Amino acid sequence: MLLTAQQLKLIAPSLSVAKATELAELINLVAPNYGITNKNLFEEFLATILHESSEFSRKEENLNYTTPERIIKIWPSRFNYTGVGGKKNATAFVRNPKALANEVYNGRMGNKTGSNDGYDFRGGGFIQLTGRDMYNAYARYHGIAASEVADKTRKLDWWALDSACWVFVIEKKLLPLAERNDFITITKRINGGTIGLNDRMAYLARCRKFLV
């Protein structure tokens, strides 16, 4: 199927007409390369990326937290207000995204301890790639360097969309679930749970209404 700008604007009303036109053309160009070609697949995929990217407004993970309270809420096992008990003082990481990314992401997901990997391989794309291992896998798919891919997914819509297709189809293998309309399992595979499910379901309902 072909997605029109009018359909995308109805599903994602925050988009300008110009942006909806640009993105519809991009989706029609990229999605079929990954086998996303029929209505069922478009519905599940589009609903997922619209939620994950806040209607295509977010390509980069925001680690610029403005309060220690928020940092502690997100990572309660890693931070507190005092820096004792084996945890870090969250205040030191307020408005310090590089230090925060390195603290929470280094030593896992292929990121090296004592490096800037956590920050360099922070989330990027409309379904965010995170960690050196995932960026390496996606980079191998395209035959380019992971460091180059990471920068592109956070800055350029084509790469943000292509990487989202790759996550959905190649990394998470969600096409069979999409064919069966198993959106709950898709959400769990992407998110690790059902966070934001109401918002996701609202997008799915609009996709089913407006995609023909």
N, C-alpha and C. Protein backbone atom coordinates (compact mmCIF):
# COMPACT_ATOMS: atom_id res chain seq x y z
N MET A 1 0.84 -1.19 0.00
CA MET A 1 0.00 0.00 0.00
C MET A 1 0.88 1.25 0.00
N LEU A 2 0.28 2.36 -0.37
CA LEU A 2 0.96 3.64 -0.33
C LEU A 2 0.30 4.54 0.70
N LEU A 3 1.10 5.13 1.56
CA LEU A 3 0.62 6.05 2.58
C LEU A 3 0.57 7.45 1.98
N THR A 4 -0.55 8.15 2.16
CA THR A 4 -0.65 9.51 1.66
C THR A 4 -0.38 10.51 2.77
N ALA A 5 -0.01 11.71 2.39
CA ALA A 5 0.21 12.78 3.37
C ALA A 5 -1.08 13.08 4.13
N GLN A 6 -2.21 13.01 3.44
CA GLN A 6 -3.49 13.28 4.09
C GLN A 6 -3.78 12.25 5.18
N GLN A 7 -3.51 10.98 4.88
CA GLN A 7 -3.71 9.93 5.88
C GLN A 7 -2.79 10.14 7.08
N LEU A 8 -1.53 10.43 6.82
CA LEU A 8 -0.58 10.61 7.91
C LEU A 8 -0.95 11.80 8.77
N LYS A 9 -1.44 12.87 8.17
CA LYS A 9 -1.85 14.06 8.92
C LYS A 9 -3.05 13.75 9.82
N LEU A 10 -3.97 12.92 9.35
CA LEU A 10 -5.11 12.53 10.17
C LEU A 10 -4.68 11.65 11.34
N ILE A 11 -3.71 10.80 11.11
CA ILE A 11 -3.23 9.90 12.17
C ILE A 11 -2.33 10.63 13.15
N ALA A 12 -1.52 11.55 12.65
CA ALA A 12 -0.57 12.31 13.48
C ALA A 12 -0.83 13.80 13.29
N PRO A 13 -1.84 14.35 13.95
CA PRO A 13 -2.29 15.72 13.67
C PRO A 13 -1.29 16.81 14.02
N SER A 14 -0.28 16.51 14.80
CA SER A 14 0.71 17.54 15.13
C SER A 14 1.61 17.88 13.94
N LEU A 15 1.64 17.02 12.93
CA LEU A 15 2.50 17.25 11.77
C LEU A 15 1.95 18.37 10.90
N SER A 16 2.84 19.20 10.40
CA SER A 16 2.44 20.17 9.39
C SER A 16 2.16 19.43 8.08
N VAL A 17 1.47 20.10 7.17
CA VAL A 17 1.19 19.49 5.88
C VAL A 17 2.50 19.17 5.16
N ALA A 18 3.44 20.10 5.23
CA ALA A 18 4.73 19.90 4.56
C ALA A 18 5.48 18.71 5.16
N LYS A 19 5.48 18.61 6.49
CA LYS A 19 6.19 17.50 7.14
C LYS A 19 5.49 16.18 6.86
N ALA A 20 4.17 16.18 6.88
CA ALA A 20 3.43 14.95 6.58
C ALA A 20 3.71 14.48 5.16
N THR A 21 3.81 15.41 4.24
CA THR A 21 4.12 15.07 2.85
C THR A 21 5.51 14.46 2.75
N GLU A 22 6.47 15.10 3.40
CA GLU A 22 7.86 14.61 3.37
C GLU A 22 7.97 13.22 3.98
N LEU A 23 7.33 13.02 5.12
CA LEU A 23 7.45 11.74 5.81
C LEU A 23 6.68 10.63 5.10
N ALA A 24 5.53 10.95 4.54
CA ALA A 24 4.78 9.93 3.80
C ALA A 24 5.60 9.42 2.62
N GLU A 25 6.24 10.34 1.91
CA GLU A 25 7.10 9.93 0.79
C GLU A 25 8.25 9.06 1.27
N LEU A 26 8.82 9.43 2.42
CA LEU A 26 9.95 8.67 2.97
C LEU A 26 9.52 7.27 3.40
N ILE A 27 8.39 7.19 4.07
CA ILE A 27 7.88 5.88 4.51
C ILE A 27 7.59 4.99 3.32
N ASN A 28 6.98 5.55 2.29
CA ASN A 28 6.69 4.77 1.08
C ASN A 28 7.96 4.29 0.38
N LEU A 29 9.04 5.03 0.55
CA LEU A 29 10.31 4.65 -0.06
C LEU A 29 11.03 3.57 0.74
N VAL A 30 11.04 3.72 2.06
CA VAL A 30 11.88 2.88 2.92
C VAL A 30 11.17 1.61 3.41
N ALA A 31 9.93 1.74 3.86
CA ALA A 31 9.25 0.61 4.50
C ALA A 31 9.16 -0.64 3.61
N PRO A 32 8.87 -0.51 2.31
CA PRO A 32 8.81 -1.73 1.48
C PRO A 32 10.12 -2.49 1.40
N ASN A 33 11.25 -1.81 1.61
CA ASN A 33 12.54 -2.50 1.60
C ASN A 33 12.63 -3.54 2.71
N TYR A 34 11.79 -3.39 3.73
CA TYR A 34 11.79 -4.32 4.87
C TYR A 34 10.54 -5.21 4.88
N GLY A 35 9.80 -5.20 3.77
CA GLY A 35 8.62 -6.05 3.69
C GLY A 35 7.38 -5.48 4.33
N ILE A 36 7.43 -4.21 4.72
CA ILE A 36 6.25 -3.55 5.30
C ILE A 36 5.44 -3.00 4.12
N THR A 37 4.51 -3.80 3.65
CA THR A 37 3.86 -3.49 2.38
C THR A 37 2.34 -3.51 2.42
N ASN A 38 1.74 -4.21 3.38
CA ASN A 38 0.28 -4.28 3.38
C ASN A 38 -0.32 -3.52 4.56
N LYS A 39 -1.63 -3.41 4.57
CA LYS A 39 -2.33 -2.58 5.56
C LYS A 39 -2.06 -3.04 6.99
N ASN A 40 -2.14 -4.34 7.24
CA ASN A 40 -1.88 -4.86 8.59
C ASN A 40 -0.51 -4.43 9.10
N LEU A 41 0.49 -4.61 8.28
CA LEU A 41 1.86 -4.30 8.70
C LEU A 41 2.04 -2.81 8.90
N PHE A 42 1.49 -2.02 8.00
CA PHE A 42 1.59 -0.57 8.14
C PHE A 42 0.94 -0.10 9.44
N GLU A 43 -0.22 -0.64 9.77
CA GLU A 43 -0.94 -0.22 10.98
C GLU A 43 -0.10 -0.44 12.23
N GLU A 44 0.43 -1.65 12.37
CA GLU A 44 1.17 -1.99 13.59
C GLU A 44 2.50 -1.22 13.66
N PHE A 45 3.17 -1.13 12.52
CA PHE A 45 4.45 -0.43 12.48
C PHE A 45 4.28 1.06 12.71
N LEU A 46 3.34 1.67 12.00
CA LEU A 46 3.16 3.11 12.11
C LEU A 46 2.70 3.52 13.50
N ALA A 47 1.79 2.77 14.09
CA ALA A 47 1.35 3.07 15.45
C ALA A 47 2.51 3.00 16.43
N THR A 48 3.39 2.04 16.23
CA THR A 48 4.55 1.89 17.12
C THR A 48 5.51 3.05 16.99
N ILE A 49 5.87 3.43 15.77
CA ILE A 49 6.87 4.49 15.63
C ILE A 49 6.29 5.86 15.99
N LEU A 50 4.99 6.05 15.79
CA LEU A 50 4.39 7.33 16.18
C LEU A 50 4.47 7.53 17.68
N HIS A 51 4.22 6.47 18.44
CA HIS A 51 4.37 6.59 19.89
C HIS A 51 5.83 6.75 20.29
N GLU A 52 6.68 5.90 19.77
CA GLU A 52 8.09 5.90 20.18
C GLU A 52 8.78 7.23 19.86
N SER A 53 8.37 7.88 18.78
CA SER A 53 9.04 9.11 18.35
C SER A 53 8.25 10.38 18.66
N SER A 54 7.13 10.24 19.39
CA SER A 54 6.25 11.39 19.65
C SER A 54 5.89 12.09 18.34
N GLU A 55 5.31 11.33 17.44
CA GLU A 55 4.90 11.82 16.11
C GLU A 55 6.08 12.40 15.34
N PHE A 56 7.16 11.65 15.32
CA PHE A 56 8.36 11.97 14.54
C PHE A 56 9.10 13.21 15.03
N SER A 57 8.81 13.64 16.25
CA SER A 57 9.48 14.83 16.78
C SER A 57 10.76 14.49 17.53
N ARG A 58 10.99 13.21 17.80
CA ARG A 58 12.14 12.81 18.62
C ARG A 58 12.94 11.73 17.92
N LYS A 59 14.18 12.05 17.63
CA LYS A 59 15.10 11.07 17.04
C LYS A 59 16.24 10.72 17.99
N GLU A 60 16.38 11.47 19.08
CA GLU A 60 17.53 11.32 19.98
C GLU A 60 17.06 11.18 21.41
N GLU A 61 17.64 10.25 22.13
CA GLU A 61 17.32 10.07 23.54
C GLU A 61 17.71 11.32 24.32
N ASN A 62 16.78 11.82 25.11
CA ASN A 62 17.04 13.00 25.92
C ASN A 62 17.51 12.58 27.31
N LEU A 63 18.78 12.83 27.58
CA LEU A 63 19.35 12.50 28.90
C LEU A 63 19.71 13.76 29.67
N ASN A 64 19.15 14.89 29.25
CA ASN A 64 19.43 16.17 29.90
C ASN A 64 18.38 16.44 30.98
N TYR A 65 18.48 15.70 32.08
CA TYR A 65 17.51 15.82 33.16
C TYR A 65 17.78 17.06 33.99
N THR A 66 16.70 17.71 34.41
CA THR A 66 16.83 19.00 35.10
C THR A 66 16.70 18.90 36.61
N THR A 67 16.33 17.75 37.13
CA THR A 67 16.22 17.58 38.58
C THR A 67 16.78 16.23 39.01
N PRO A 68 17.36 16.15 40.20
CA PRO A 68 17.83 14.85 40.70
C PRO A 68 16.68 13.89 40.94
N GLU A 69 15.51 14.43 41.29
CA GLU A 69 14.35 13.58 41.56
C GLU A 69 14.01 12.71 40.35
N ARG A 70 14.07 13.31 39.18
CA ARG A 70 13.73 12.56 37.97
C ARG A 70 14.75 11.46 37.69
N ILE A 71 16.01 11.76 37.89
CA ILE A 71 17.06 10.76 37.68
C ILE A 71 16.87 9.58 38.64
N ILE A 72 16.58 9.88 39.89
CA ILE A 72 16.38 8.83 40.89
C ILE A 72 15.14 7.99 40.55
N LYS A 73 14.10 8.65 40.05
CA LYS A 73 12.88 7.91 39.69
C LYS A 73 13.14 6.94 38.54
N ILE A 74 13.94 7.35 37.56
CA ILE A 74 14.21 6.50 36.41
C ILE A 74 15.18 5.38 36.76
N TRP A 75 16.19 5.69 37.57
CA TRP A 75 17.22 4.69 37.92
C TRP A 75 17.38 4.60 39.45
N PRO A 76 16.37 4.10 40.15
CA PRO A 76 16.43 4.08 41.62
C PRO A 76 17.53 3.18 42.18
N SER A 77 17.97 2.19 41.41
CA SER A 77 19.01 1.30 41.91
C SER A 77 20.41 1.89 41.74
N ARG A 78 20.51 3.00 41.02
CA ARG A 78 21.82 3.58 40.72
C ARG A 78 22.09 4.90 41.41
N PHE A 79 21.02 5.65 41.76
CA PHE A 79 21.21 7.01 42.25
C PHE A 79 20.40 7.26 43.52
N ASN A 80 20.92 8.16 44.35
CA ASN A 80 20.17 8.71 45.47
C ASN A 80 20.61 10.15 45.68
N TYR A 81 20.23 10.75 46.80
CA TYR A 81 20.57 12.15 47.05
C TYR A 81 21.91 12.33 47.75
N THR A 82 22.50 11.24 48.23
CA THR A 82 23.68 11.36 49.09
C THR A 82 24.95 10.79 48.49
N GLY A 83 24.82 9.85 47.56
CA GLY A 83 26.01 9.22 47.00
C GLY A 83 26.59 8.15 47.89
N VAL A 84 25.83 7.68 48.87
CA VAL A 84 26.31 6.60 49.74
C VAL A 84 25.52 5.33 49.43
N GLY A 85 25.96 4.24 50.05
CA GLY A 85 25.26 2.97 49.85
C GLY A 85 25.48 2.37 48.48
N GLY A 86 26.63 2.68 47.88
CA GLY A 86 26.94 2.12 46.58
C GLY A 86 26.24 2.79 45.42
N LYS A 87 25.58 3.91 45.68
CA LYS A 87 24.89 4.64 44.62
C LYS A 87 25.57 5.99 44.37
N LYS A 88 25.25 6.58 43.23
CA LYS A 88 25.81 7.88 42.87
C LYS A 88 24.85 8.98 43.31
N ASN A 89 25.42 10.16 43.60
CA ASN A 89 24.62 11.33 43.93
C ASN A 89 24.01 11.88 42.64
N ALA A 90 22.71 11.84 42.54
CA ALA A 90 22.02 12.23 41.31
C ALA A 90 22.27 13.68 40.94
N THR A 91 22.52 14.53 41.93
CA THR A 91 22.72 15.95 41.66
C THR A 91 23.88 16.18 40.71
N ALA A 92 24.89 15.35 40.79
CA ALA A 92 26.08 15.51 39.94
C ALA A 92 25.77 15.25 38.47
N PHE A 93 24.63 14.65 38.18
CA PHE A 93 24.29 14.28 36.81
C PHE A 93 23.17 15.14 36.22
N VAL A 94 22.72 16.12 36.99
CA VAL A 94 21.69 17.04 36.48
C VAL A 94 22.29 17.90 35.38
N ARG A 95 21.58 18.01 34.25
CA ARG A 95 22.04 18.78 33.08
C ARG A 95 23.44 18.35 32.63
N ASN A 96 23.72 17.07 32.77
CA ASN A 96 25.02 16.52 32.38
C ASN A 96 24.79 15.22 31.61
N PRO A 97 24.23 15.32 30.40
CA PRO A 97 23.81 14.11 29.68
C PRO A 97 24.93 13.15 29.35
N LYS A 98 26.12 13.66 29.07
CA LYS A 98 27.22 12.76 28.73
C LYS A 98 27.61 11.91 29.94
N ALA A 99 27.78 12.55 31.09
CA ALA A 99 28.14 11.80 32.29
C ALA A 99 27.05 10.81 32.67
N LEU A 100 25.80 11.23 32.54
CA LEU A 100 24.69 10.35 32.89
C LEU A 100 24.63 9.14 31.96
N ALA A 101 24.76 9.37 30.67
CA ALA A 101 24.73 8.25 29.71
C ALA A 101 25.85 7.26 29.99
N ASN A 102 27.04 7.77 30.24
CA ASN A 102 28.16 6.88 30.52
C ASN A 102 27.96 6.11 31.82
N GLU A 103 27.36 6.75 32.81
CA GLU A 103 27.12 6.10 34.09
C GLU A 103 26.10 4.97 33.97
N VAL A 104 25.02 5.21 33.25
CA VAL A 104 23.94 4.21 33.24
C VAL A 104 24.08 3.17 32.13
N TYR A 105 24.85 3.49 31.08
CA TYR A 105 24.93 2.58 29.95
C TYR A 105 26.27 1.87 29.79
N ASN A 106 27.34 2.42 30.34
CA ASN A 106 28.63 1.75 30.18
C ASN A 106 28.67 0.44 30.96
N GLY A 107 29.42 -0.51 30.41
CA GLY A 107 29.53 -1.82 31.06
C GLY A 107 28.42 -2.77 30.69
N ARG A 108 27.57 -2.38 29.76
CA ARG A 108 26.51 -3.27 29.27
C ARG A 108 26.15 -2.88 27.84
N MET A 109 25.39 -3.70 27.18
CA MET A 109 24.97 -3.48 25.79
C MET A 109 26.16 -3.30 24.85
N GLY A 110 27.30 -3.87 25.24
CA GLY A 110 28.51 -3.75 24.42
C GLY A 110 29.31 -2.49 24.67
N ASN A 111 28.83 -1.62 25.55
CA ASN A 111 29.55 -0.38 25.86
C ASN A 111 30.70 -0.66 26.82
N LYS A 112 31.85 -0.06 26.54
CA LYS A 112 33.04 -0.31 27.34
C LYS A 112 33.07 0.57 28.58
N THR A 113 33.45 -0.02 29.70
CA THR A 113 33.62 0.72 30.94
C THR A 113 34.75 1.74 30.78
N GLY A 114 34.56 2.92 31.35
CA GLY A 114 35.59 3.95 31.31
C GLY A 114 35.71 4.65 29.97
N SER A 115 34.69 4.51 29.13
CA SER A 115 34.71 5.14 27.80
C SER A 115 33.53 6.11 27.69
N ASN A 116 33.39 6.72 26.53
CA ASN A 116 32.21 7.53 26.22
C ASN A 116 31.17 6.75 25.43
N ASP A 117 31.27 5.42 25.43
CA ASP A 117 30.34 4.61 24.65
C ASP A 117 28.89 4.86 25.05
N GLY A 118 28.64 4.98 26.35
CA GLY A 118 27.26 5.19 26.80
C GLY A 118 26.62 6.38 26.13
N TYR A 119 27.40 7.46 26.03
CA TYR A 119 26.89 8.67 25.39
C TYR A 119 26.92 8.55 23.88
N ASP A 120 28.01 8.05 23.34
CA ASP A 120 28.15 7.95 21.88
C ASP A 120 27.10 7.04 21.27
N PHE A 121 26.69 6.01 22.03
CA PHE A 121 25.71 5.05 21.52
C PHE A 121 24.39 5.14 22.30
N ARG A 122 24.05 6.35 22.74
CA ARG A 122 22.75 6.60 23.36
C ARG A 122 21.66 6.44 22.30
N GLY A 123 20.41 6.48 22.75
CA GLY A 123 19.31 6.19 21.85
C GLY A 123 19.25 7.09 20.62
N GLY A 124 19.00 6.47 19.46
CA GLY A 124 18.84 7.22 18.23
C GLY A 124 17.89 6.52 17.27
N GLY A 125 17.08 7.30 16.56
CA GLY A 125 16.13 6.75 15.60
C GLY A 125 14.70 6.86 16.08
N PHE A 126 13.75 6.61 15.19
CA PHE A 126 12.33 6.70 15.54
C PHE A 126 11.90 5.54 16.44
N ILE A 127 12.55 4.39 16.37
CA ILE A 127 12.53 3.39 17.45
C ILE A 127 13.99 3.30 17.87
N GLN A 128 14.30 3.76 19.05
CA GLN A 128 15.70 4.07 19.34
C GLN A 128 16.60 2.85 19.45
N LEU A 129 17.66 2.86 18.64
CA LEU A 129 18.79 1.97 18.86
C LEU A 129 19.53 2.46 20.10
N THR A 130 19.97 1.55 20.94
CA THR A 130 20.72 1.94 22.14
C THR A 130 21.83 0.92 22.39
N GLY A 131 23.04 1.42 22.61
CA GLY A 131 24.17 0.56 22.94
C GLY A 131 25.01 0.18 21.73
N ARG A 132 26.30 0.00 21.99
CA ARG A 132 27.24 -0.33 20.92
C ARG A 132 26.83 -1.60 20.16
N ASP A 133 26.36 -2.62 20.88
CA ASP A 133 26.02 -3.89 20.22
C ASP A 133 24.92 -3.70 19.18
N MET A 134 23.88 -2.96 19.54
CA MET A 134 22.78 -2.78 18.60
C MET A 134 23.19 -1.91 17.43
N TYR A 135 23.94 -0.85 17.70
CA TYR A 135 24.44 -0.01 16.61
C TYR A 135 25.37 -0.80 15.69
N ASN A 136 26.20 -1.64 16.27
CA ASN A 136 27.09 -2.47 15.44
C ASN A 136 26.29 -3.39 14.53
N ALA A 137 25.25 -4.00 15.07
CA ALA A 137 24.43 -4.92 14.26
C ALA A 137 23.76 -4.17 13.11
N TYR A 138 23.23 -3.00 13.40
CA TYR A 138 22.59 -2.21 12.34
C TYR A 138 23.62 -1.71 11.33
N ALA A 139 24.78 -1.31 11.81
CA ALA A 139 25.84 -0.84 10.91
C ALA A 139 26.29 -1.95 9.98
N ARG A 140 26.42 -3.17 10.51
CA ARG A 140 26.81 -4.30 9.66
C ARG A 140 25.77 -4.55 8.57
N TYR A 141 24.52 -4.33 8.89
CA TYR A 141 23.45 -4.51 7.91
C TYR A 141 23.65 -3.59 6.70
N HIS A 142 24.21 -2.39 6.97
CA HIS A 142 24.44 -1.43 5.89
C HIS A 142 25.89 -1.35 5.44
N GLY A 143 26.78 -2.06 6.14
CA GLY A 143 28.18 -2.07 5.74
C GLY A 143 28.93 -0.78 6.00
N ILE A 144 28.55 -0.08 7.08
CA ILE A 144 29.27 1.14 7.44
C ILE A 144 29.61 1.10 8.93
N ALA A 145 30.34 2.10 9.41
CA ALA A 145 30.81 2.12 10.79
C ALA A 145 29.68 2.47 11.75
N ALA A 146 29.70 1.83 12.93
CA ALA A 146 28.67 2.08 13.93
C ALA A 146 28.66 3.54 14.38
N SER A 147 29.83 4.14 14.52
CA SER A 147 29.90 5.54 14.95
C SER A 147 29.22 6.46 13.94
N GLU A 148 29.35 6.13 12.67
CA GLU A 148 28.71 6.93 11.62
C GLU A 148 27.20 6.75 11.65
N VAL A 149 26.76 5.53 11.84
CA VAL A 149 25.33 5.24 11.92
C VAL A 149 24.69 5.96 13.10
N ALA A 150 25.34 5.93 14.26
CA ALA A 150 24.77 6.54 15.46
C ALA A 150 24.47 8.01 15.24
N ASP A 151 25.38 8.71 14.65
CA ASP A 151 25.19 10.14 14.40
C ASP A 151 24.05 10.36 13.41
N LYS A 152 23.98 9.56 12.38
CA LYS A 152 22.95 9.73 11.35
C LYS A 152 21.55 9.45 11.90
N THR A 153 21.39 8.42 12.72
CA THR A 153 20.05 8.08 13.21
C THR A 153 19.48 9.18 14.09
N ARG A 154 20.34 9.96 14.72
CA ARG A 154 19.87 11.02 15.61
C ARG A 154 19.65 12.35 14.89
N LYS A 155 20.09 12.44 13.64
CA LYS A 155 20.01 13.73 12.94
C LYS A 155 19.17 13.70 11.67
N LEU A 156 19.10 12.58 10.99
CA LEU A 156 18.50 12.53 9.66
C LEU A 156 17.27 11.62 9.64
N ASP A 157 16.17 12.12 9.10
CA ASP A 157 14.92 11.36 9.09
C ASP A 157 15.05 10.04 8.35
N TRP A 158 15.79 10.02 7.24
CA TRP A 158 15.91 8.76 6.49
C TRP A 158 16.50 7.68 7.38
N TRP A 159 17.58 8.00 8.06
CA TRP A 159 18.25 7.02 8.91
C TRP A 159 17.42 6.70 10.15
N ALA A 160 16.72 7.70 10.69
CA ALA A 160 15.85 7.45 11.84
C ALA A 160 14.74 6.48 11.47
N LEU A 161 14.20 6.63 10.27
CA LEU A 161 13.14 5.72 9.81
C LEU A 161 13.69 4.36 9.41
N ASP A 162 14.78 4.35 8.66
CA ASP A 162 15.35 3.08 8.24
C ASP A 162 15.75 2.23 9.44
N SER A 163 16.35 2.86 10.44
CA SER A 163 16.75 2.11 11.63
C SER A 163 15.53 1.58 12.38
N ALA A 164 14.43 2.35 12.38
CA ALA A 164 13.20 1.88 13.01
C ALA A 164 12.65 0.65 12.28
N CYS A 165 12.69 0.68 10.96
CA CYS A 165 12.27 -0.49 10.18
C CYS A 165 13.15 -1.69 10.51
N TRP A 166 14.44 -1.45 10.62
CA TRP A 166 15.38 -2.54 10.93
C TRP A 166 15.09 -3.14 12.29
N VAL A 167 14.85 -2.29 13.29
CA VAL A 167 14.52 -2.80 14.63
C VAL A 167 13.25 -3.64 14.57
N PHE A 168 12.23 -3.12 13.93
CA PHE A 168 10.92 -3.77 13.89
C PHE A 168 10.99 -5.11 13.16
N VAL A 169 11.68 -5.13 12.04
CA VAL A 169 11.66 -6.31 11.16
C VAL A 169 12.82 -7.27 11.40
N ILE A 170 14.03 -6.73 11.50
CA ILE A 170 15.24 -7.57 11.57
C ILE A 170 15.60 -7.90 13.01
N GLU A 171 15.73 -6.89 13.85
CA GLU A 171 16.17 -7.10 15.23
C GLU A 171 15.10 -7.79 16.07
N LYS A 172 13.87 -7.29 16.01
CA LYS A 172 12.80 -7.82 16.86
C LYS A 172 11.92 -8.86 16.17
N LYS A 173 12.03 -8.92 14.83
CA LYS A 173 11.28 -9.94 14.06
C LYS A 173 9.77 -9.87 14.33
N LEU A 174 9.20 -8.70 14.11
CA LEU A 174 7.82 -8.45 14.50
C LEU A 174 6.80 -8.58 13.36
N LEU A 175 7.25 -8.82 12.14
CA LEU A 175 6.29 -8.90 11.04
C LEU A 175 5.24 -10.00 11.24
N PRO A 176 5.61 -11.21 11.68
CA PRO A 176 4.58 -12.23 11.90
C PRO A 176 3.54 -11.81 12.94
N LEU A 177 3.97 -11.11 13.98
CA LEU A 177 3.03 -10.62 14.99
C LEU A 177 2.13 -9.54 14.41
N ALA A 178 2.70 -8.69 13.56
CA ALA A 178 1.90 -7.64 12.93
C ALA A 178 0.86 -8.24 11.99
N GLU A 179 1.23 -9.29 11.29
CA GLU A 179 0.27 -9.96 10.41
C GLU A 179 -0.91 -10.52 11.21
N ARG A 180 -0.65 -10.93 12.46
CA ARG A 180 -1.70 -11.48 13.32
C ARG A 180 -2.38 -10.41 14.17
N ASN A 181 -2.00 -9.15 13.96
CA ASN A 181 -2.56 -8.04 14.75
C ASN A 181 -2.31 -8.21 16.25
N ASP A 182 -1.17 -8.77 16.60
CA ASP A 182 -0.83 -8.98 18.02
C ASP A 182 -0.05 -7.77 18.53
N PHE A 183 -0.75 -6.67 18.68
CA PHE A 183 -0.10 -5.41 19.01
C PHE A 183 0.44 -5.40 20.44
N ILE A 184 -0.20 -6.10 21.34
CA ILE A 184 0.28 -6.14 22.73
C ILE A 184 1.66 -6.79 22.80
N THR A 185 1.83 -7.90 22.12
CA THR A 185 3.14 -8.56 22.13
C THR A 185 4.18 -7.70 21.42
N ILE A 186 3.80 -7.04 20.34
CA ILE A 186 4.72 -6.11 19.67
C ILE A 186 5.19 -5.04 20.64
N THR A 187 4.26 -4.47 21.39
CA THR A 187 4.61 -3.44 22.36
C THR A 187 5.58 -3.97 23.41
N LYS A 188 5.34 -5.16 23.90
CA LYS A 188 6.23 -5.75 24.91
C LYS A 188 7.61 -6.02 24.34
N ARG A 189 7.69 -6.43 23.09
CA ARG A 189 9.00 -6.70 22.47
C ARG A 189 9.78 -5.40 22.26
N ILE A 190 9.10 -4.33 21.95
CA ILE A 190 9.75 -3.05 21.72
C ILE A 190 10.11 -2.38 23.03
N ASN A 191 9.17 -2.41 23.97
CA ASN A 191 9.24 -1.60 25.18
C ASN A 191 9.71 -2.36 26.41
N GLY A 192 9.59 -3.68 26.37
CA GLY A 192 9.90 -4.46 27.56
C GLY A 192 8.72 -4.58 28.50
N GLY A 193 7.62 -3.91 28.18
CA GLY A 193 6.41 -3.93 28.98
C GLY A 193 5.29 -3.30 28.18
N THR A 194 4.36 -2.67 28.88
CA THR A 194 3.24 -2.03 28.19
C THR A 194 3.15 -0.55 28.54
N ILE A 195 4.28 0.08 28.80
CA ILE A 195 4.29 1.51 29.09
C ILE A 195 3.75 2.27 27.88
N GLY A 196 2.85 3.22 28.15
CA GLY A 196 2.29 4.03 27.07
C GLY A 196 1.27 3.30 26.22
N LEU A 197 0.69 2.22 26.75
CA LEU A 197 -0.19 1.40 25.92
C LEU A 197 -1.41 2.17 25.44
N ASN A 198 -1.99 3.00 26.28
CA ASN A 198 -3.18 3.75 25.86
C ASN A 198 -2.88 4.64 24.66
N ASP A 199 -1.74 5.31 24.71
CA ASP A 199 -1.33 6.17 23.60
C ASP A 199 -1.07 5.33 22.35
N ARG A 200 -0.42 4.21 22.52
CA ARG A 200 -0.15 3.32 21.39
C ARG A 200 -1.45 2.82 20.75
N MET A 201 -2.40 2.44 21.61
CA MET A 201 -3.67 1.93 21.10
C MET A 201 -4.46 3.02 20.38
N ALA A 202 -4.35 4.25 20.84
CA ALA A 202 -5.03 5.36 20.16
C ALA A 202 -4.46 5.55 18.76
N TYR A 203 -3.14 5.46 18.63
CA TYR A 203 -2.53 5.54 17.30
C TYR A 203 -2.98 4.37 16.42
N LEU A 204 -3.02 3.19 17.01
CA LEU A 204 -3.44 2.02 16.24
C LEU A 204 -4.87 2.18 15.74
N ALA A 205 -5.74 2.71 16.60
CA ALA A 205 -7.13 2.91 16.19
C ALA A 205 -7.23 3.90 15.03
N ARG A 206 -6.43 4.96 15.09
CA ARG A 206 -6.46 5.93 13.99
C ARG A 206 -5.88 5.33 12.72
N CYS A 207 -4.83 4.53 12.86
CA CYS A 207 -4.27 3.85 11.68
C CYS A 207 -5.32 2.95 11.03
N ARG A 208 -6.04 2.20 11.84
CA ARG A 208 -7.05 1.30 11.30
C ARG A 208 -8.22 2.06 10.67
N LYS A 209 -8.47 3.25 11.18
CA LYS A 209 -9.57 4.07 10.64
C LYS A 209 -9.20 4.72 9.31
N PHE A 210 -7.97 5.23 9.22
CA PHE A 210 -7.63 6.09 8.09
C PHE A 210 -6.79 5.41 7.00
N LEU A 211 -6.16 4.28 7.31
CA LEU A 211 -5.41 3.58 6.27
C LEU A 211 -6.36 2.67 5.50
N VAL A 212 -6.32 2.77 4.20
CA VAL A 212 -7.22 1.96 3.38
C VAL A 212 -6.43 1.27 2.28
